[in-house]
Amino acid sequence: MKRIIQILFLLLLTVSFQQCSYSQSNTTKKENMDTSKKNPVYSRTDSSKVNITDEEWRKILPADVYSIAREKGTERPWTSKFEDSKEVGTYYCAACGNPLFKSDTKFESGCGWPSFYQPISKSSIIYLPDNSHGMQRTEVECGRCKAHLGHVFEDGPPPTGLRYCINGVVLDFEKAKAAEKKYNEGSEQSKEAKKGE
């Protein structure tokens, strides 16, 4: 009986990993690089479509970003620095700089990858059917450069009911300027108050 319970537990664990499109990438986790320095297509303001070869992408993207964005890999669950992030700002495509998600649409889904319930705009994301691994899912790609981002599921919170399960490796983040300024002003006031005590 104990053996049956162990097998059922392992089966349940395996299915839960598949729900979020788990497939371990053979790249190792690397330090986050500022892709805009070596990447001529990276822009947070240019909305023109990017259409370059995989050879060109390989030259300008870090190996971990290339593996996911161009080869449809998946980072290991619970390894993204964005998984538990509560910072206020905007998430961009790490391959081309396209704005993808605002931080106020991010939520804790428990799936192991950063999750959002709504993209910034309808043109931010491209939706494609994905029938790999014996499942029927919807893949999401960057609307500007067609980089693989992850998948979208219909088990998210209101108001959309959607869960965009996104690989953190293919995300860049910029902290909101107003929030950062307010935080810094609060820190300065706190320091001044402590000096006055």
N, C-alpha and C. Protein backbone atom coordinates (compact mmCIF):
# COMPACT_ATOMS: atom_id res chain seq x y z
N MET A 1 0.83 -1.19 0.00
CA MET A 1 0.00 0.00 0.00
C MET A 1 0.88 1.26 0.00
N LYS A 2 1.95 1.22 0.81
CA LYS A 2 2.85 2.37 0.86
C LYS A 2 3.48 2.61 -0.50
N ARG A 3 3.82 1.54 -1.22
CA ARG A 3 4.43 1.65 -2.54
C ARG A 3 3.45 2.29 -3.54
N ILE A 4 2.20 1.94 -3.47
CA ILE A 4 1.18 2.51 -4.35
C ILE A 4 1.02 4.00 -4.10
N ILE A 5 1.04 4.39 -2.84
CA ILE A 5 0.93 5.81 -2.49
C ILE A 5 2.12 6.58 -3.03
N GLN A 6 3.33 5.99 -2.91
CA GLN A 6 4.53 6.65 -3.44
C GLN A 6 4.44 6.82 -4.95
N ILE A 7 3.96 5.79 -5.65
CA ILE A 7 3.83 5.87 -7.11
C ILE A 7 2.81 6.93 -7.49
N LEU A 8 1.68 6.96 -6.78
CA LEU A 8 0.66 7.97 -7.06
C LEU A 8 1.18 9.38 -6.80
N PHE A 9 1.94 9.54 -5.74
CA PHE A 9 2.53 10.85 -5.44
C PHE A 9 3.47 11.29 -6.55
N LEU A 10 4.34 10.37 -7.01
CA LEU A 10 5.27 10.70 -8.09
C LEU A 10 4.53 11.03 -9.39
N LEU A 11 3.46 10.30 -9.66
CA LEU A 11 2.66 10.57 -10.85
C LEU A 11 2.01 11.94 -10.76
N LEU A 12 1.46 12.28 -9.62
CA LEU A 12 0.85 13.60 -9.41
C LEU A 12 1.88 14.71 -9.55
N LEU A 13 3.06 14.50 -9.01
CA LEU A 13 4.13 15.49 -9.11
C LEU A 13 4.54 15.69 -10.57
N THR A 14 4.65 14.61 -11.32
CA THR A 14 5.01 14.69 -12.74
C THR A 14 3.97 15.46 -13.53
N VAL A 15 2.70 15.19 -13.30
CA VAL A 15 1.62 15.89 -14.00
C VAL A 15 1.62 17.37 -13.67
N SER A 16 1.88 17.71 -12.42
CA SER A 16 1.88 19.13 -12.04
C SER A 16 3.01 19.89 -12.74
N PHE A 17 4.16 19.24 -12.93
CA PHE A 17 5.25 19.89 -13.67
C PHE A 17 4.88 20.08 -15.13
N GLN A 18 4.20 19.10 -15.73
CA GLN A 18 3.80 19.22 -17.13
C GLN A 18 2.79 20.34 -17.33
N GLN A 19 1.97 20.62 -16.36
CA GLN A 19 0.97 21.68 -16.47
C GLN A 19 1.61 23.02 -16.81
N CYS A 20 2.80 23.26 -16.31
CA CYS A 20 3.49 24.52 -16.59
C CYS A 20 4.56 24.36 -17.65
N SER A 21 4.47 23.29 -18.44
CA SER A 21 5.39 23.10 -19.56
C SER A 21 6.82 22.88 -19.11
N TYR A 22 7.03 22.01 -18.17
CA TYR A 22 8.37 21.75 -17.66
C TYR A 22 9.14 20.90 -18.64
N SER A 23 10.25 21.40 -19.08
CA SER A 23 11.24 20.60 -19.81
C SER A 23 12.57 21.27 -19.52
N GLN A 24 13.43 20.55 -18.86
CA GLN A 24 14.66 21.16 -18.38
C GLN A 24 15.57 21.51 -19.54
N SER A 25 16.03 22.71 -19.51
CA SER A 25 16.97 23.20 -20.52
C SER A 25 18.36 22.68 -20.16
N ASN A 26 19.18 22.43 -21.17
CA ASN A 26 20.52 21.96 -20.87
C ASN A 26 21.50 23.11 -20.73
N THR A 27 21.00 24.33 -20.60
CA THR A 27 21.87 25.45 -20.32
C THR A 27 21.88 25.70 -18.82
N THR A 28 22.97 26.24 -18.35
CA THR A 28 23.06 26.54 -16.94
C THR A 28 22.62 27.96 -16.69
N LYS A 29 22.19 28.24 -15.50
CA LYS A 29 21.75 29.58 -15.14
C LYS A 29 22.96 30.52 -15.15
N LYS A 30 22.83 31.62 -15.86
CA LYS A 30 23.92 32.58 -15.96
C LYS A 30 23.48 33.90 -15.38
N GLU A 31 24.46 34.73 -15.12
CA GLU A 31 24.14 36.05 -14.62
C GLU A 31 23.33 36.80 -15.66
N ASN A 32 22.36 37.58 -15.19
CA ASN A 32 21.53 38.35 -16.09
C ASN A 32 22.37 39.44 -16.75
N MET A 33 22.38 39.44 -18.06
CA MET A 33 23.17 40.41 -18.79
C MET A 33 22.25 41.50 -19.34
N ASP A 34 22.77 42.68 -19.51
CA ASP A 34 22.03 43.74 -20.16
C ASP A 34 22.15 43.49 -21.65
N THR A 35 21.12 42.87 -22.23
CA THR A 35 21.18 42.48 -23.63
C THR A 35 21.19 43.68 -24.56
N SER A 36 20.80 44.84 -24.10
CA SER A 36 20.74 46.01 -24.97
C SER A 36 22.12 46.49 -25.40
N LYS A 37 23.18 46.14 -24.66
CA LYS A 37 24.52 46.62 -24.98
C LYS A 37 25.09 45.96 -26.23
N LYS A 38 24.82 44.66 -26.45
CA LYS A 38 25.35 43.95 -27.60
C LYS A 38 24.27 43.65 -28.64
N ASN A 39 23.06 43.94 -28.34
CA ASN A 39 21.93 43.54 -29.17
C ASN A 39 21.39 44.74 -29.95
N PRO A 40 21.65 44.81 -31.25
CA PRO A 40 21.21 45.97 -32.04
C PRO A 40 19.70 46.08 -32.24
N VAL A 41 18.94 45.00 -32.02
CA VAL A 41 17.49 45.06 -32.21
C VAL A 41 16.76 45.40 -30.91
N TYR A 42 17.49 45.41 -29.78
CA TYR A 42 16.85 45.64 -28.49
C TYR A 42 16.44 47.11 -28.36
N SER A 43 15.14 47.33 -28.15
CA SER A 43 14.62 48.68 -27.95
C SER A 43 13.32 48.60 -27.18
N ARG A 44 13.19 49.44 -26.17
CA ARG A 44 11.95 49.47 -25.39
C ARG A 44 10.93 50.44 -25.98
N THR A 45 11.29 51.10 -27.07
CA THR A 45 10.37 52.06 -27.70
C THR A 45 10.03 51.71 -29.15
N ASP A 46 10.90 50.99 -29.85
CA ASP A 46 10.66 50.62 -31.24
C ASP A 46 9.67 49.47 -31.29
N SER A 47 8.58 49.64 -32.02
CA SER A 47 7.57 48.58 -32.11
C SER A 47 7.61 47.85 -33.44
N SER A 48 8.59 48.18 -34.32
CA SER A 48 8.67 47.50 -35.60
C SER A 48 9.05 46.04 -35.39
N LYS A 49 8.53 45.17 -36.25
CA LYS A 49 8.78 43.74 -36.14
C LYS A 49 10.25 43.42 -36.38
N VAL A 50 10.75 42.42 -35.66
CA VAL A 50 12.14 41.98 -35.81
C VAL A 50 12.10 40.63 -36.50
N ASN A 51 12.82 40.53 -37.61
CA ASN A 51 12.85 39.28 -38.37
C ASN A 51 14.29 39.01 -38.79
N ILE A 52 15.03 38.33 -37.93
CA ILE A 52 16.41 37.97 -38.24
C ILE A 52 16.58 36.47 -38.08
N THR A 53 17.66 35.94 -38.61
CA THR A 53 17.88 34.49 -38.57
C THR A 53 18.29 34.02 -37.18
N ASP A 54 18.14 32.72 -36.97
CA ASP A 54 18.58 32.14 -35.70
C ASP A 54 20.09 32.30 -35.52
N GLU A 55 20.84 32.27 -36.61
CA GLU A 55 22.29 32.48 -36.52
C GLU A 55 22.59 33.87 -35.96
N GLU A 56 21.85 34.87 -36.44
CA GLU A 56 22.04 36.23 -35.94
C GLU A 56 21.63 36.34 -34.48
N TRP A 57 20.51 35.69 -34.11
CA TRP A 57 20.07 35.70 -32.71
C TRP A 57 21.14 35.08 -31.82
N ARG A 58 21.73 33.98 -32.27
CA ARG A 58 22.73 33.28 -31.46
C ARG A 58 23.93 34.19 -31.15
N LYS A 59 24.26 35.08 -32.09
CA LYS A 59 25.38 35.99 -31.89
C LYS A 59 25.08 37.10 -30.89
N ILE A 60 23.81 37.48 -30.76
CA ILE A 60 23.49 38.65 -29.93
C ILE A 60 22.80 38.34 -28.60
N LEU A 61 22.35 37.10 -28.41
CA LEU A 61 21.66 36.75 -27.16
C LEU A 61 22.55 35.89 -26.27
N PRO A 62 22.45 36.08 -24.95
CA PRO A 62 23.12 35.15 -24.03
C PRO A 62 22.58 33.74 -24.27
N ALA A 63 23.38 32.71 -24.01
CA ALA A 63 23.00 31.32 -24.30
C ALA A 63 21.69 30.92 -23.64
N ASP A 64 21.47 31.34 -22.38
CA ASP A 64 20.24 30.93 -21.69
C ASP A 64 19.00 31.59 -22.32
N VAL A 65 19.13 32.83 -22.73
CA VAL A 65 18.00 33.52 -23.39
C VAL A 65 17.75 32.89 -24.76
N TYR A 66 18.82 32.60 -25.50
CA TYR A 66 18.68 31.99 -26.82
C TYR A 66 17.96 30.64 -26.72
N SER A 67 18.36 29.82 -25.76
CA SER A 67 17.79 28.49 -25.59
C SER A 67 16.27 28.54 -25.42
N ILE A 68 15.79 29.49 -24.66
CA ILE A 68 14.35 29.58 -24.43
C ILE A 68 13.66 30.35 -25.56
N ALA A 69 14.19 31.51 -25.90
CA ALA A 69 13.54 32.37 -26.89
C ALA A 69 13.51 31.76 -28.28
N ARG A 70 14.58 31.14 -28.71
CA ARG A 70 14.66 30.65 -30.09
C ARG A 70 14.48 29.14 -30.20
N GLU A 71 14.82 28.38 -29.15
CA GLU A 71 14.70 26.92 -29.21
C GLU A 71 13.53 26.38 -28.38
N LYS A 72 12.72 27.29 -27.86
CA LYS A 72 11.52 26.94 -27.08
C LYS A 72 11.83 26.08 -25.87
N GLY A 73 12.95 26.38 -25.22
CA GLY A 73 13.31 25.68 -23.99
C GLY A 73 12.46 26.18 -22.83
N THR A 74 12.71 25.62 -21.67
CA THR A 74 12.01 26.02 -20.45
C THR A 74 13.01 26.03 -19.30
N GLU A 75 13.03 27.12 -18.54
CA GLU A 75 13.92 27.16 -17.39
C GLU A 75 13.38 26.27 -16.28
N ARG A 76 14.25 25.83 -15.41
CA ARG A 76 13.81 25.00 -14.29
C ARG A 76 12.84 25.79 -13.41
N PRO A 77 11.82 25.15 -12.87
CA PRO A 77 10.87 25.88 -12.01
C PRO A 77 11.54 26.40 -10.75
N TRP A 78 11.04 27.49 -10.25
CA TRP A 78 11.48 28.16 -9.02
C TRP A 78 12.94 28.63 -9.07
N THR A 79 13.46 28.90 -10.27
CA THR A 79 14.82 29.41 -10.39
C THR A 79 14.85 30.86 -10.85
N SER A 80 13.73 31.40 -11.28
CA SER A 80 13.71 32.77 -11.80
C SER A 80 13.77 33.79 -10.66
N LYS A 81 14.60 34.80 -10.85
CA LYS A 81 14.66 35.87 -9.86
C LYS A 81 13.37 36.67 -9.82
N PHE A 82 12.53 36.53 -10.85
CA PHE A 82 11.26 37.26 -10.90
C PHE A 82 10.10 36.49 -10.27
N GLU A 83 10.32 35.22 -9.94
CA GLU A 83 9.23 34.39 -9.40
C GLU A 83 8.57 35.03 -8.19
N ASP A 84 9.36 35.52 -7.23
CA ASP A 84 8.81 36.10 -6.00
C ASP A 84 8.91 37.62 -5.96
N SER A 85 9.30 38.24 -7.06
CA SER A 85 9.50 39.69 -7.07
C SER A 85 8.20 40.45 -6.85
N LYS A 86 8.27 41.47 -6.01
CA LYS A 86 7.11 42.32 -5.73
C LYS A 86 7.36 43.76 -6.21
N GLU A 87 8.47 43.97 -6.92
CA GLU A 87 8.81 45.32 -7.35
C GLU A 87 7.81 45.84 -8.37
N VAL A 88 7.62 47.15 -8.36
CA VAL A 88 6.68 47.81 -9.26
C VAL A 88 7.43 48.26 -10.51
N GLY A 89 6.90 47.90 -11.66
CA GLY A 89 7.55 48.29 -12.91
C GLY A 89 6.99 47.55 -14.09
N THR A 90 7.81 47.42 -15.13
CA THR A 90 7.40 46.81 -16.39
C THR A 90 8.36 45.69 -16.77
N TYR A 91 7.78 44.59 -17.27
CA TYR A 91 8.54 43.45 -17.76
C TYR A 91 8.61 43.53 -19.29
N TYR A 92 9.82 43.36 -19.83
CA TYR A 92 10.08 43.46 -21.26
C TYR A 92 10.63 42.14 -21.78
N CYS A 93 10.54 41.94 -23.09
CA CYS A 93 11.16 40.79 -23.73
C CYS A 93 12.67 40.97 -23.67
N ALA A 94 13.39 40.00 -23.15
CA ALA A 94 14.85 40.10 -23.03
C ALA A 94 15.54 40.01 -24.38
N ALA A 95 14.85 39.50 -25.40
CA ALA A 95 15.45 39.39 -26.73
C ALA A 95 15.37 40.69 -27.52
N CYS A 96 14.22 41.41 -27.41
CA CYS A 96 14.05 42.59 -28.27
C CYS A 96 13.62 43.85 -27.53
N GLY A 97 13.25 43.76 -26.25
CA GLY A 97 12.85 44.94 -25.49
C GLY A 97 11.38 45.29 -25.57
N ASN A 98 10.57 44.46 -26.22
CA ASN A 98 9.14 44.72 -26.35
C ASN A 98 8.46 44.70 -24.98
N PRO A 99 7.66 45.73 -24.63
CA PRO A 99 6.94 45.72 -23.36
C PRO A 99 5.91 44.59 -23.34
N LEU A 100 5.94 43.75 -22.29
CA LEU A 100 5.06 42.58 -22.23
C LEU A 100 4.02 42.67 -21.12
N PHE A 101 4.46 42.92 -19.87
CA PHE A 101 3.56 42.87 -18.72
C PHE A 101 3.88 43.99 -17.73
N LYS A 102 2.86 44.51 -17.09
CA LYS A 102 3.04 45.43 -15.96
C LYS A 102 3.06 44.59 -14.69
N SER A 103 3.80 45.05 -13.70
CA SER A 103 3.94 44.30 -12.46
C SER A 103 2.61 44.15 -11.71
N ASP A 104 1.67 45.07 -11.91
CA ASP A 104 0.40 44.95 -11.19
C ASP A 104 -0.49 43.84 -11.75
N THR A 105 -0.07 43.18 -12.85
CA THR A 105 -0.81 42.02 -13.36
C THR A 105 -0.10 40.71 -12.99
N LYS A 106 0.97 40.79 -12.23
CA LYS A 106 1.72 39.62 -11.78
C LYS A 106 1.05 39.06 -10.53
N PHE A 107 1.02 37.74 -10.42
CA PHE A 107 0.44 37.12 -9.24
C PHE A 107 1.17 35.82 -8.92
N GLU A 108 1.02 35.35 -7.70
CA GLU A 108 1.66 34.10 -7.28
C GLU A 108 0.74 32.94 -7.63
N SER A 109 1.18 32.15 -8.60
CA SER A 109 0.37 31.02 -9.05
C SER A 109 0.80 29.71 -8.41
N GLY A 110 2.03 29.67 -7.90
CA GLY A 110 2.54 28.45 -7.30
C GLY A 110 3.07 27.46 -8.32
N CYS A 111 3.15 27.85 -9.61
CA CYS A 111 3.58 26.90 -10.64
C CYS A 111 5.10 26.86 -10.81
N GLY A 112 5.83 27.83 -10.22
CA GLY A 112 7.28 27.81 -10.32
C GLY A 112 7.86 28.79 -11.32
N TRP A 113 7.00 29.48 -12.05
CA TRP A 113 7.44 30.48 -13.02
C TRP A 113 6.67 31.77 -12.78
N PRO A 114 7.25 32.92 -13.15
CA PRO A 114 6.50 34.17 -13.02
C PRO A 114 5.18 34.07 -13.79
N SER A 115 4.09 34.52 -13.16
CA SER A 115 2.77 34.42 -13.78
C SER A 115 2.09 35.78 -13.80
N PHE A 116 1.38 36.02 -14.88
CA PHE A 116 0.66 37.28 -15.09
C PHE A 116 -0.74 36.96 -15.58
N TYR A 117 -1.70 37.86 -15.33
CA TYR A 117 -3.05 37.60 -15.82
C TYR A 117 -3.41 38.41 -17.06
N GLN A 118 -2.53 39.33 -17.50
CA GLN A 118 -2.86 40.15 -18.66
C GLN A 118 -1.61 40.80 -19.24
N PRO A 119 -1.44 40.76 -20.57
CA PRO A 119 -0.32 41.47 -21.18
C PRO A 119 -0.60 42.97 -21.26
N ILE A 120 0.43 43.75 -21.55
CA ILE A 120 0.29 45.20 -21.66
C ILE A 120 -0.68 45.58 -22.76
N SER A 121 -0.59 44.92 -23.92
CA SER A 121 -1.51 45.22 -25.03
C SER A 121 -1.77 43.96 -25.83
N LYS A 122 -2.76 44.02 -26.71
CA LYS A 122 -3.07 42.86 -27.54
C LYS A 122 -1.92 42.53 -28.48
N SER A 123 -1.15 43.53 -28.89
CA SER A 123 -0.05 43.28 -29.81
C SER A 123 1.24 42.84 -29.12
N SER A 124 1.25 42.83 -27.79
CA SER A 124 2.45 42.41 -27.05
C SER A 124 2.74 40.92 -27.20
N ILE A 125 1.69 40.13 -27.42
CA ILE A 125 1.78 38.68 -27.38
C ILE A 125 1.18 38.07 -28.64
N ILE A 126 1.79 36.99 -29.12
CA ILE A 126 1.26 36.16 -30.20
C ILE A 126 0.86 34.83 -29.58
N TYR A 127 -0.28 34.29 -29.99
CA TYR A 127 -0.79 33.03 -29.46
C TYR A 127 -0.71 31.95 -30.53
N LEU A 128 -0.16 30.78 -30.15
CA LEU A 128 -0.02 29.66 -31.08
C LEU A 128 -0.45 28.36 -30.41
N PRO A 129 -1.09 27.46 -31.16
CA PRO A 129 -1.41 26.16 -30.57
C PRO A 129 -0.13 25.36 -30.36
N ASP A 130 -0.06 24.63 -29.25
CA ASP A 130 1.10 23.81 -28.92
C ASP A 130 0.59 22.45 -28.47
N ASN A 131 0.81 21.44 -29.29
CA ASN A 131 0.35 20.08 -28.99
C ASN A 131 1.51 19.15 -28.64
N SER A 132 2.64 19.74 -28.21
CA SER A 132 3.80 18.93 -27.84
C SER A 132 3.60 18.26 -26.49
N HIS A 133 4.41 17.28 -26.21
CA HIS A 133 4.41 16.56 -24.93
C HIS A 133 3.05 15.93 -24.62
N GLY A 134 2.26 15.62 -25.66
CA GLY A 134 0.97 14.96 -25.48
C GLY A 134 -0.08 15.84 -24.83
N MET A 135 0.11 17.16 -24.87
CA MET A 135 -0.86 18.09 -24.26
C MET A 135 -1.34 19.08 -25.30
N GLN A 136 -2.52 19.66 -25.05
CA GLN A 136 -3.03 20.74 -25.88
C GLN A 136 -2.93 22.02 -25.07
N ARG A 137 -2.00 22.91 -25.50
CA ARG A 137 -1.78 24.15 -24.77
C ARG A 137 -1.72 25.30 -25.77
N THR A 138 -1.63 26.51 -25.22
CA THR A 138 -1.44 27.69 -26.06
C THR A 138 -0.11 28.32 -25.71
N GLU A 139 0.79 28.33 -26.69
CA GLU A 139 2.10 28.95 -26.52
C GLU A 139 1.95 30.45 -26.69
N VAL A 140 2.76 31.21 -25.95
CA VAL A 140 2.81 32.65 -26.14
C VAL A 140 4.21 33.06 -26.57
N GLU A 141 4.23 33.94 -27.58
CA GLU A 141 5.48 34.47 -28.10
C GLU A 141 5.44 35.99 -28.02
N CYS A 142 6.60 36.59 -28.08
CA CYS A 142 6.71 38.05 -28.12
C CYS A 142 6.09 38.55 -29.42
N GLY A 143 5.26 39.57 -29.33
CA GLY A 143 4.60 40.12 -30.50
C GLY A 143 5.52 40.86 -31.44
N ARG A 144 6.72 41.18 -31.00
CA ARG A 144 7.66 41.93 -31.84
C ARG A 144 8.69 41.01 -32.51
N CYS A 145 9.27 40.05 -31.76
CA CYS A 145 10.36 39.24 -32.32
C CYS A 145 10.04 37.75 -32.37
N LYS A 146 8.87 37.36 -31.93
CA LYS A 146 8.43 35.96 -31.92
C LYS A 146 9.29 35.06 -31.02
N ALA A 147 9.85 35.63 -29.97
CA ALA A 147 10.59 34.82 -28.99
C ALA A 147 9.60 34.00 -28.18
N HIS A 148 9.93 32.75 -27.95
CA HIS A 148 9.10 31.90 -27.08
C HIS A 148 9.16 32.46 -25.66
N LEU A 149 7.99 32.67 -25.05
CA LEU A 149 7.93 33.19 -23.69
C LEU A 149 7.46 32.14 -22.69
N GLY A 150 6.49 31.33 -23.09
CA GLY A 150 5.90 30.34 -22.20
C GLY A 150 4.55 29.91 -22.74
N HIS A 151 3.58 29.74 -21.83
CA HIS A 151 2.24 29.31 -22.21
C HIS A 151 1.20 30.10 -21.43
N VAL A 152 -0.02 30.11 -21.94
CA VAL A 152 -1.13 30.73 -21.23
C VAL A 152 -2.17 29.64 -20.93
N PHE A 153 -2.71 29.69 -19.71
CA PHE A 153 -3.70 28.72 -19.25
C PHE A 153 -4.94 29.46 -18.76
N GLU A 154 -6.05 28.77 -18.74
CA GLU A 154 -7.31 29.38 -18.34
C GLU A 154 -7.64 29.09 -16.88
N ASP A 155 -6.65 29.20 -16.01
CA ASP A 155 -6.88 28.95 -14.58
C ASP A 155 -6.35 30.11 -13.73
N GLY A 156 -6.34 31.31 -14.30
CA GLY A 156 -5.83 32.48 -13.59
C GLY A 156 -6.91 33.22 -12.82
N PRO A 157 -6.53 34.30 -12.17
CA PRO A 157 -7.46 35.07 -11.35
C PRO A 157 -8.28 36.06 -12.19
N PRO A 158 -9.33 36.64 -11.60
CA PRO A 158 -10.07 37.71 -12.27
C PRO A 158 -9.14 38.89 -12.48
N PRO A 159 -9.34 39.76 -13.39
CA PRO A 159 -10.54 39.85 -14.22
C PRO A 159 -10.49 39.01 -15.49
N THR A 160 -9.32 38.45 -15.88
CA THR A 160 -9.23 37.73 -17.16
C THR A 160 -9.42 36.23 -17.02
N GLY A 161 -9.11 35.67 -15.87
CA GLY A 161 -9.16 34.22 -15.70
C GLY A 161 -8.00 33.51 -16.39
N LEU A 162 -7.00 34.27 -16.82
CA LEU A 162 -5.86 33.70 -17.54
C LEU A 162 -4.61 33.69 -16.67
N ARG A 163 -3.72 32.73 -16.96
CA ARG A 163 -2.42 32.65 -16.30
C ARG A 163 -1.35 32.52 -17.37
N TYR A 164 -0.62 33.61 -17.59
CA TYR A 164 0.51 33.59 -18.50
C TYR A 164 1.70 33.10 -17.69
N CYS A 165 2.11 31.86 -17.96
CA CYS A 165 3.21 31.20 -17.25
C CYS A 165 4.47 31.45 -18.08
N ILE A 166 5.34 32.36 -17.61
CA ILE A 166 6.41 32.90 -18.43
C ILE A 166 7.79 32.53 -17.87
N ASN A 167 8.69 32.17 -18.75
CA ASN A 167 10.08 31.90 -18.36
C ASN A 167 10.74 33.21 -17.96
N GLY A 168 11.23 33.31 -16.74
CA GLY A 168 11.86 34.53 -16.27
C GLY A 168 13.13 34.89 -17.03
N VAL A 169 13.81 33.89 -17.60
CA VAL A 169 15.04 34.14 -18.35
C VAL A 169 14.79 35.06 -19.54
N VAL A 170 13.61 35.00 -20.12
CA VAL A 170 13.31 35.83 -21.30
C VAL A 170 12.63 37.15 -20.92
N LEU A 171 12.73 37.51 -19.64
CA LEU A 171 12.17 38.78 -19.18
C LEU A 171 13.27 39.72 -18.71
N ASP A 172 13.12 40.99 -19.06
CA ASP A 172 13.90 42.08 -18.47
C ASP A 172 12.91 42.88 -17.65
N PHE A 173 13.40 43.57 -16.65
CA PHE A 173 12.51 44.34 -15.78
C PHE A 173 13.07 45.73 -15.58
N GLU A 174 12.19 46.71 -15.63
CA GLU A 174 12.57 48.08 -15.29
C GLU A 174 11.65 48.57 -14.19
N LYS A 175 12.27 48.98 -13.09
CA LYS A 175 11.52 49.47 -11.95
C LYS A 175 10.81 50.77 -12.34
N ALA A 176 9.60 50.93 -11.87
CA ALA A 176 8.84 52.15 -12.15
C ALA A 176 9.56 53.34 -11.54
N LYS A 177 9.75 54.38 -12.32
CA LYS A 177 10.49 55.56 -11.85
C LYS A 177 9.79 56.24 -10.68
N ALA A 178 8.48 56.39 -10.76
CA ALA A 178 7.74 57.06 -9.69
C ALA A 178 7.84 56.27 -8.39
N ALA A 179 7.72 54.94 -8.49
CA ALA A 179 7.80 54.11 -7.29
C ALA A 179 9.20 54.18 -6.68
N GLU A 180 10.22 54.16 -7.54
CA GLU A 180 11.59 54.24 -7.06
C GLU A 180 11.84 55.59 -6.39
N LYS A 181 11.34 56.66 -7.01
CA LYS A 181 11.53 58.00 -6.45
C LYS A 181 10.84 58.10 -5.08
N LYS A 182 9.61 57.59 -5.00
CA LYS A 182 8.86 57.63 -3.75
C LYS A 182 9.59 56.83 -2.66
N TYR A 183 10.13 55.66 -3.05
CA TYR A 183 10.87 54.83 -2.10
C TYR A 183 12.11 55.57 -1.60
N ASN A 184 12.85 56.15 -2.53
CA ASN A 184 14.07 56.88 -2.16
C ASN A 184 13.76 58.08 -1.27
N GLU A 185 12.67 58.81 -1.59
CA GLU A 185 12.27 59.94 -0.75
C GLU A 185 11.89 59.47 0.65
N GLY A 186 11.19 58.34 0.73
CA GLY A 186 10.81 57.78 2.02
C GLY A 186 12.03 57.37 2.83
N SER A 187 13.03 56.80 2.14
CA SER A 187 14.27 56.40 2.81
C SER A 187 15.00 57.62 3.36
N GLU A 188 15.04 58.70 2.58
CA GLU A 188 15.71 59.93 3.02
C GLU A 188 14.99 60.53 4.23
N GLN A 189 13.65 60.55 4.19
CA GLN A 189 12.87 61.08 5.31
C GLN A 189 13.10 60.24 6.56
N SER A 190 13.18 58.92 6.37
CA SER A 190 13.42 58.02 7.48
C SER A 190 14.80 58.28 8.12
N LYS A 191 15.80 58.51 7.26
CA LYS A 191 17.15 58.79 7.75
C LYS A 191 17.16 60.10 8.52
N GLU A 192 16.47 61.12 7.98
CA GLU A 192 16.41 62.43 8.64
C GLU A 192 15.71 62.31 10.00
N ALA A 193 14.64 61.52 10.05
CA ALA A 193 13.90 61.34 11.30
C ALA A 193 14.79 60.66 12.34
N LYS A 194 15.59 59.70 11.93
CA LYS A 194 16.48 59.01 12.84
C LYS A 194 17.58 59.92 13.35
N LYS A 195 18.06 60.83 12.50
CA LYS A 195 19.07 61.79 12.93
C LYS A 195 18.52 62.75 13.97
N GLY A 196 17.24 63.10 13.83
CA GLY A 196 16.60 64.04 14.75
C GLY A 196 16.28 63.43 16.10
N GLU A 197 16.34 62.12 16.24
CA GLU A 197 15.99 61.46 17.51
C GLU A 197 17.05 61.59 18.55
